[in-house]
N, C-alpha and C. Protein backbone atom coordinates (compact mmCIF):
# COMPACT_ATOMS: atom_id res chain seq x y z
N MET A 1 45.81 25.23 -42.71
CA MET A 1 45.19 24.63 -41.54
C MET A 1 46.22 24.22 -40.50
N LEU A 2 47.31 23.61 -40.94
CA LEU A 2 48.32 23.16 -39.98
C LEU A 2 49.14 24.31 -39.43
N ASN A 3 49.03 25.49 -40.00
CA ASN A 3 49.76 26.64 -39.50
C ASN A 3 49.33 27.04 -38.11
N ASP A 4 48.15 26.61 -37.70
CA ASP A 4 47.64 26.93 -36.37
C ASP A 4 48.28 26.08 -35.28
N TYR A 5 49.04 25.08 -35.65
CA TYR A 5 49.63 24.13 -34.70
C TYR A 5 51.14 24.34 -34.62
N SER A 6 51.71 23.97 -33.47
CA SER A 6 53.17 24.06 -33.31
C SER A 6 53.86 22.97 -34.12
N ASP A 7 55.17 23.00 -34.14
CA ASP A 7 55.95 22.02 -34.90
C ASP A 7 55.92 20.64 -34.26
N ILE A 8 55.58 20.58 -33.00
CA ILE A 8 55.46 19.32 -32.27
C ILE A 8 53.99 19.13 -31.91
N LEU A 9 53.41 18.02 -32.36
CA LEU A 9 51.99 17.76 -32.15
C LEU A 9 51.78 16.72 -31.06
N THR A 10 50.63 16.79 -30.44
CA THR A 10 50.21 15.78 -29.47
C THR A 10 49.21 14.84 -30.15
N VAL A 11 48.87 13.78 -29.46
CA VAL A 11 47.85 12.86 -29.96
C VAL A 11 46.54 13.61 -30.18
N GLU A 12 46.21 14.50 -29.27
CA GLU A 12 44.97 15.27 -29.38
C GLU A 12 44.99 16.18 -30.61
N ASP A 13 46.14 16.77 -30.91
CA ASP A 13 46.26 17.60 -32.12
C ASP A 13 45.99 16.78 -33.37
N VAL A 14 46.60 15.60 -33.44
CA VAL A 14 46.43 14.74 -34.61
C VAL A 14 44.97 14.29 -34.73
N GLN A 15 44.34 14.02 -33.60
CA GLN A 15 42.91 13.68 -33.60
C GLN A 15 42.10 14.78 -34.28
N ASP A 16 42.35 16.02 -33.85
CA ASP A 16 41.61 17.16 -34.40
C ASP A 16 41.88 17.34 -35.89
N ILE A 17 43.14 17.20 -36.29
CA ILE A 17 43.51 17.44 -37.68
C ILE A 17 42.92 16.38 -38.60
N LEU A 18 43.05 15.10 -38.21
CA LEU A 18 42.59 14.02 -39.07
C LEU A 18 41.13 13.64 -38.84
N GLY A 19 40.56 14.08 -37.73
CA GLY A 19 39.17 13.73 -37.44
C GLY A 19 39.01 12.26 -37.10
N ILE A 20 39.99 11.71 -36.39
CA ILE A 20 39.93 10.30 -35.99
C ILE A 20 40.02 10.22 -34.47
N GLY A 21 39.78 9.06 -33.93
CA GLY A 21 39.80 8.87 -32.49
C GLY A 21 41.21 8.71 -31.93
N LYS A 22 41.29 8.81 -30.62
CA LYS A 22 42.56 8.70 -29.93
C LYS A 22 43.22 7.34 -30.17
N ASN A 23 42.42 6.27 -30.10
CA ASN A 23 42.97 4.93 -30.31
C ASN A 23 43.52 4.76 -31.72
N ALA A 24 42.89 5.38 -32.69
CA ALA A 24 43.39 5.30 -34.07
C ALA A 24 44.75 6.01 -34.20
N VAL A 25 44.92 7.13 -33.51
CA VAL A 25 46.20 7.83 -33.53
C VAL A 25 47.27 6.97 -32.87
N TYR A 26 46.94 6.38 -31.72
CA TYR A 26 47.91 5.50 -31.04
C TYR A 26 48.29 4.33 -31.95
N GLN A 27 47.33 3.80 -32.68
CA GLN A 27 47.62 2.69 -33.60
C GLN A 27 48.58 3.14 -34.70
N LEU A 28 48.36 4.31 -35.27
CA LEU A 28 49.26 4.83 -36.29
C LEU A 28 50.68 4.99 -35.74
N CYS A 29 50.78 5.39 -34.49
CA CYS A 29 52.09 5.55 -33.85
C CYS A 29 52.74 4.18 -33.61
N ARG A 30 51.98 3.25 -33.08
CA ARG A 30 52.53 1.92 -32.80
C ARG A 30 52.96 1.19 -34.07
N GLU A 31 52.21 1.38 -35.16
CA GLU A 31 52.52 0.72 -36.43
C GLU A 31 53.60 1.46 -37.21
N HIS A 32 54.07 2.58 -36.68
CA HIS A 32 55.08 3.42 -37.32
C HIS A 32 54.60 3.99 -38.64
N SER A 33 53.28 4.14 -38.79
CA SER A 33 52.73 4.83 -39.95
C SER A 33 53.04 6.32 -39.86
N LEU A 34 53.07 6.82 -38.64
CA LEU A 34 53.51 8.18 -38.35
C LEU A 34 54.88 8.07 -37.69
N GLU A 35 55.83 8.86 -38.15
CA GLU A 35 57.12 8.88 -37.47
C GLU A 35 56.97 9.70 -36.21
N CYS A 36 56.98 9.03 -35.09
CA CYS A 36 56.80 9.71 -33.81
C CYS A 36 57.63 8.99 -32.75
N PHE A 37 57.66 9.53 -31.59
CA PHE A 37 58.43 8.92 -30.51
C PHE A 37 57.73 9.18 -29.19
N ARG A 38 58.18 8.46 -28.18
CA ARG A 38 57.59 8.59 -26.85
C ARG A 38 58.58 9.19 -25.88
N ILE A 39 58.08 10.03 -25.04
CA ILE A 39 58.82 10.51 -23.88
C ILE A 39 57.98 10.10 -22.68
N ASN A 40 58.54 9.16 -21.93
CA ASN A 40 57.79 8.51 -20.86
C ASN A 40 56.53 7.90 -21.45
N ARG A 41 55.36 8.40 -21.09
CA ARG A 41 54.11 7.83 -21.60
C ARG A 41 53.46 8.71 -22.66
N LYS A 42 54.12 9.77 -23.07
CA LYS A 42 53.52 10.72 -24.00
C LYS A 42 54.09 10.54 -25.40
N TRP A 43 53.20 10.44 -26.40
CA TRP A 43 53.61 10.36 -27.79
C TRP A 43 53.85 11.78 -28.31
N ILE A 44 54.96 11.95 -29.02
CA ILE A 44 55.32 13.22 -29.63
C ILE A 44 55.35 13.01 -31.14
N ILE A 45 54.61 13.83 -31.87
CA ILE A 45 54.51 13.67 -33.32
C ILE A 45 55.00 14.97 -33.98
N PRO A 46 56.12 14.92 -34.69
CA PRO A 46 56.55 16.12 -35.41
C PRO A 46 55.55 16.46 -36.53
N LYS A 47 55.27 17.74 -36.69
CA LYS A 47 54.29 18.16 -37.70
C LYS A 47 54.71 17.71 -39.09
N ILE A 48 56.00 17.73 -39.38
CA ILE A 48 56.48 17.30 -40.69
C ILE A 48 56.14 15.84 -40.94
N SER A 49 56.15 15.04 -39.89
CA SER A 49 55.79 13.63 -40.02
C SER A 49 54.32 13.48 -40.41
N LEU A 50 53.47 14.28 -39.80
CA LEU A 50 52.05 14.23 -40.16
C LEU A 50 51.84 14.71 -41.59
N CYS A 51 52.55 15.75 -42.00
CA CYS A 51 52.43 16.25 -43.37
C CYS A 51 52.85 15.17 -44.37
N GLU A 52 53.93 14.47 -44.08
CA GLU A 52 54.39 13.39 -44.95
C GLU A 52 53.37 12.25 -45.00
N PHE A 53 52.79 11.94 -43.85
CA PHE A 53 51.77 10.89 -43.78
C PHE A 53 50.57 11.26 -44.65
N ILE A 54 50.14 12.51 -44.56
CA ILE A 54 48.98 12.96 -45.35
C ILE A 54 49.30 12.90 -46.84
N GLU A 55 50.47 13.39 -47.23
CA GLU A 55 50.85 13.38 -48.64
C GLU A 55 50.94 11.95 -49.17
N LYS A 56 51.53 11.06 -48.40
CA LYS A 56 51.67 9.67 -48.83
C LYS A 56 50.31 9.00 -49.01
N ASN A 57 49.40 9.27 -48.10
CA ASN A 57 48.09 8.62 -48.14
C ASN A 57 47.08 9.36 -49.01
N ARG A 58 47.37 10.56 -49.37
CA ARG A 58 46.48 11.33 -50.26
C ARG A 58 46.34 10.62 -51.60
N LYS A 59 47.39 9.94 -52.04
CA LYS A 59 47.37 9.25 -53.32
C LYS A 59 46.46 8.03 -53.31
N THR A 60 46.29 7.41 -52.15
CA THR A 60 45.48 6.20 -52.08
C THR A 60 44.03 6.48 -51.73
N GLN A 61 43.77 7.61 -51.05
CA GLN A 61 42.40 7.96 -50.66
C GLN A 61 42.16 9.45 -50.92
N PRO A 62 42.16 9.86 -52.18
CA PRO A 62 42.11 11.29 -52.50
C PRO A 62 40.86 12.01 -52.03
N ALA A 63 39.72 11.38 -52.02
CA ALA A 63 38.48 12.07 -51.63
C ALA A 63 38.54 12.51 -50.17
N TYR A 64 39.02 11.64 -49.30
CA TYR A 64 39.09 11.96 -47.87
C TYR A 64 40.14 13.03 -47.60
N TRP A 65 41.35 12.84 -48.15
CA TRP A 65 42.46 13.72 -47.81
C TRP A 65 42.33 15.10 -48.41
N SER A 66 41.54 15.25 -49.44
CA SER A 66 41.40 16.59 -50.02
C SER A 66 40.70 17.54 -49.06
N SER A 67 39.94 17.01 -48.11
CA SER A 67 39.27 17.86 -47.13
C SER A 67 40.18 18.29 -46.01
N ILE A 68 41.40 17.74 -45.92
CA ILE A 68 42.32 18.05 -44.84
C ILE A 68 43.03 19.39 -45.07
N ASP A 69 43.18 19.82 -46.32
CA ASP A 69 43.87 21.08 -46.60
C ASP A 69 43.31 22.15 -45.74
């Protein structure tokens, strides 16, 4: 599924992948749950960071994350 996306993700990409809202993605970025950075006003999320986030959280919420594959 993630093969369809580039190595650098936008907030909108993460929304689509995780099925969450824009504000939830911004919160994950602000809380440093996702390793990401800002360029001016734009959040940049490396795909590897999202993969690590999914793997880390898959252990705590397996039913939800199994649908992300």
